[in-house]
Amino acid sequence: MSPPPLAARPFGLLGVPRAVLFFLAEDRRRYLGFSAVLLAVQFYALLPPYLIGRVADFLLDYRAGDSLEPMY
């Protein structure tokens, strides 16, 4: 038996990325590039709290005579 025609197939959530890429056509690379930039910028917002947390953890756990290597 042959697969059902495209019009008869249900359109689910997994079909959305394919549809978006289909409609982007020649702008796919630009879209994916800008999406990567957006992801990097959004990730950058998490960096300062992470670094501050690392420093705070180090300072709270530090005992006199311990190695200072984790700070470098």
N, C-alpha and C. Protein backbone atom coordinates (compact mmCIF):
# COMPACT_ATOMS: atom_id res chain seq x y z
N MET A 1 0.84 -1.18 0.00
CA MET A 1 0.00 0.00 0.00
C MET A 1 0.89 1.25 0.00
N SER A 2 0.54 2.23 -0.75
CA SER A 2 1.34 3.45 -0.85
C SER A 2 1.00 4.40 0.30
N PRO A 3 1.96 5.30 0.64
CA PRO A 3 1.70 6.24 1.74
C PRO A 3 0.59 7.21 1.34
N PRO A 4 -0.11 7.77 2.33
CA PRO A 4 -1.19 8.70 2.02
C PRO A 4 -0.62 9.97 1.37
N PRO A 5 -1.41 10.65 0.55
CA PRO A 5 -0.94 11.90 -0.07
C PRO A 5 -0.63 12.94 1.00
N LEU A 6 0.16 13.93 0.61
CA LEU A 6 0.58 14.95 1.58
C LEU A 6 -0.60 15.66 2.23
N ALA A 7 -1.65 15.93 1.48
CA ALA A 7 -2.80 16.64 2.03
C ALA A 7 -3.50 15.81 3.11
N ALA A 8 -3.38 14.49 3.05
CA ALA A 8 -4.07 13.64 4.02
C ALA A 8 -3.25 13.41 5.28
N ARG A 9 -1.98 13.73 5.26
CA ARG A 9 -1.14 13.53 6.44
C ARG A 9 -1.44 14.59 7.49
N PRO A 10 -1.52 14.20 8.75
CA PRO A 10 -1.76 15.20 9.79
C PRO A 10 -0.50 16.06 9.99
N PHE A 11 -0.73 17.33 10.25
CA PHE A 11 0.39 18.25 10.48
C PHE A 11 0.56 18.39 11.98
N GLY A 12 1.68 17.87 12.49
CA GLY A 12 1.92 17.90 13.94
C GLY A 12 2.98 18.90 14.31
N LEU A 13 3.31 18.89 15.56
CA LEU A 13 4.31 19.81 16.09
C LEU A 13 5.69 19.58 15.46
N LEU A 14 6.00 18.34 15.14
CA LEU A 14 7.30 18.04 14.54
C LEU A 14 7.41 18.54 13.11
N GLY A 15 6.30 18.88 12.49
CA GLY A 15 6.33 19.40 11.12
C GLY A 15 6.60 20.89 11.05
N VAL A 16 6.53 21.57 12.18
CA VAL A 16 6.72 23.03 12.20
C VAL A 16 8.13 23.43 11.75
N PRO A 17 9.21 22.85 12.30
CA PRO A 17 10.54 23.26 11.84
C PRO A 17 10.75 23.03 10.34
N ARG A 18 10.22 21.93 9.82
CA ARG A 18 10.35 21.68 8.38
C ARG A 18 9.59 22.73 7.58
N ALA A 19 8.41 23.11 8.06
CA ALA A 19 7.62 24.12 7.35
C ALA A 19 8.33 25.47 7.38
N VAL A 20 8.90 25.82 8.52
CA VAL A 20 9.62 27.10 8.63
C VAL A 20 10.81 27.11 7.67
N LEU A 21 11.59 26.04 7.67
CA LEU A 21 12.74 25.98 6.77
C LEU A 21 12.31 25.98 5.31
N PHE A 22 11.17 25.37 5.01
CA PHE A 22 10.67 25.38 3.63
C PHE A 22 10.34 26.80 3.20
N PHE A 23 9.66 27.55 4.05
CA PHE A 23 9.25 28.91 3.68
C PHE A 23 10.42 29.89 3.69
N LEU A 24 11.48 29.58 4.40
CA LEU A 24 12.65 30.47 4.40
C LEU A 24 13.40 30.41 3.07
N ALA A 25 13.37 29.27 2.43
CA ALA A 25 14.01 29.05 1.13
C ALA A 25 15.46 29.52 1.14
N GLU A 26 15.76 30.58 0.39
CA GLU A 26 17.16 31.01 0.25
C GLU A 26 17.68 31.76 1.48
N ASP A 27 16.82 32.09 2.42
CA ASP A 27 17.25 32.81 3.63
C ASP A 27 17.57 31.87 4.79
N ARG A 28 17.66 30.58 4.53
CA ARG A 28 17.89 29.60 5.60
C ARG A 28 19.19 29.88 6.35
N ARG A 29 20.25 30.07 5.62
CA ARG A 29 21.55 30.28 6.28
C ARG A 29 21.54 31.53 7.14
N ARG A 30 20.95 32.59 6.62
CA ARG A 30 20.88 33.83 7.37
C ARG A 30 20.05 33.65 8.64
N TYR A 31 18.93 32.97 8.52
CA TYR A 31 18.06 32.72 9.67
C TYR A 31 18.78 31.89 10.72
N LEU A 32 19.42 30.81 10.29
CA LEU A 32 20.14 29.96 11.24
C LEU A 32 21.32 30.70 11.87
N GLY A 33 21.99 31.55 11.10
CA GLY A 33 23.10 32.34 11.63
C GLY A 33 22.63 33.32 12.69
N PHE A 34 21.55 34.03 12.40
CA PHE A 34 21.03 34.99 13.38
C PHE A 34 20.45 34.27 14.59
N SER A 35 19.90 33.07 14.39
CA SER A 35 19.40 32.29 15.52
C SER A 35 20.57 31.88 16.44
N ALA A 36 21.70 31.54 15.84
CA ALA A 36 22.88 31.19 16.63
C ALA A 36 23.39 32.41 17.42
N VAL A 37 23.37 33.57 16.78
CA VAL A 37 23.79 34.80 17.47
C VAL A 37 22.84 35.09 18.63
N LEU A 38 21.55 34.94 18.41
CA LEU A 38 20.57 35.17 19.47
C LEU A 38 20.78 34.21 20.63
N LEU A 39 21.05 32.96 20.33
CA LEU A 39 21.32 31.97 21.38
C LEU A 39 22.56 32.34 22.18
N ALA A 40 23.61 32.80 21.50
CA ALA A 40 24.84 33.20 22.18
C ALA A 40 24.59 34.41 23.09
N VAL A 41 23.81 35.37 22.62
CA VAL A 41 23.52 36.56 23.42
C VAL A 41 22.68 36.19 24.64
N GLN A 42 21.73 35.30 24.46
CA GLN A 42 20.90 34.87 25.58
C GLN A 42 21.74 34.09 26.60
N PHE A 43 22.67 33.28 26.12
CA PHE A 43 23.54 32.52 27.01
C PHE A 43 24.48 33.45 27.78
N TYR A 44 24.90 34.53 27.14
CA TYR A 44 25.83 35.48 27.77
C TYR A 44 25.22 36.08 29.03
N ALA A 45 23.91 36.21 29.08
CA ALA A 45 23.25 36.79 30.26
C ALA A 45 23.42 35.88 31.48
N LEU A 46 23.69 34.61 31.28
CA LEU A 46 23.87 33.67 32.39
C LEU A 46 25.30 33.65 32.93
N LEU A 47 26.22 34.23 32.20
CA LEU A 47 27.63 34.16 32.58
C LEU A 47 27.96 34.93 33.86
N PRO A 48 27.56 36.20 34.03
CA PRO A 48 27.91 36.91 35.27
C PRO A 48 27.39 36.24 36.55
N PRO A 49 26.12 35.79 36.62
CA PRO A 49 25.71 35.10 37.84
C PRO A 49 26.50 33.82 38.10
N TYR A 50 26.85 33.12 37.05
CA TYR A 50 27.64 31.90 37.21
C TYR A 50 29.02 32.21 37.79
N LEU A 51 29.68 33.22 37.25
CA LEU A 51 31.02 33.58 37.73
C LEU A 51 30.96 34.10 39.17
N ILE A 52 29.96 34.91 39.47
CA ILE A 52 29.82 35.42 40.83
C ILE A 52 29.57 34.27 41.80
N GLY A 53 28.77 33.31 41.39
CA GLY A 53 28.51 32.14 42.23
C GLY A 53 29.76 31.33 42.47
N ARG A 54 30.58 31.18 41.43
CA ARG A 54 31.85 30.44 41.60
C ARG A 54 32.77 31.14 42.60
N VAL A 55 32.87 32.46 42.49
CA VAL A 55 33.71 33.22 43.42
C VAL A 55 33.16 33.12 44.84
N ALA A 56 31.84 33.25 44.98
CA ALA A 56 31.23 33.16 46.32
C ALA A 56 31.46 31.78 46.92
N ASP A 57 31.28 30.73 46.12
CA ASP A 57 31.52 29.37 46.63
C ASP A 57 32.97 29.20 47.09
N PHE A 58 33.88 29.74 46.29
CA PHE A 58 35.29 29.64 46.66
C PHE A 58 35.57 30.36 47.97
N LEU A 59 35.05 31.59 48.10
CA LEU A 59 35.32 32.37 49.31
C LEU A 59 34.66 31.77 50.54
N LEU A 60 33.49 31.15 50.38
CA LEU A 60 32.82 30.55 51.54
C LEU A 60 33.50 29.26 51.99
N ASP A 61 34.11 28.54 51.06
CA ASP A 61 34.75 27.27 51.40
C ASP A 61 36.25 27.41 51.69
N TYR A 62 36.81 28.59 51.51
CA TYR A 62 38.25 28.76 51.65
C TYR A 62 38.65 28.70 53.12
N ARG A 63 39.71 27.98 53.37
CA ARG A 63 40.32 27.91 54.69
C ARG A 63 41.77 28.35 54.55
N ALA A 64 42.31 28.96 55.60
CA ALA A 64 43.69 29.44 55.57
C ALA A 64 44.62 28.28 55.23
N GLY A 65 45.48 28.50 54.27
CA GLY A 65 46.45 27.51 53.86
C GLY A 65 45.98 26.67 52.68
N ASP A 66 44.70 26.77 52.27
CA ASP A 66 44.21 26.04 51.09
C ASP A 66 44.82 26.63 49.82
N SER A 67 44.83 25.86 48.79
CA SER A 67 45.36 26.31 47.50
C SER A 67 44.46 27.39 46.89
N LEU A 68 45.09 28.38 46.30
CA LEU A 68 44.35 29.43 45.59
C LEU A 68 44.19 29.11 44.09
N GLU A 69 44.59 27.91 43.72
CA GLU A 69 44.56 27.52 42.29
C GLU A 69 43.18 27.66 41.64
N PRO A 70 42.07 27.32 42.30
CA PRO A 70 40.76 27.46 41.63
C PRO A 70 40.42 28.89 41.21
N MET A 71 41.05 29.88 41.82
CA MET A 71 40.78 31.27 41.43
C MET A 71 41.55 31.70 40.19
N TYR A 72 42.49 30.90 39.75
CA TYR A 72 43.27 31.29 38.59
C TYR A 72 42.83 30.51 37.44
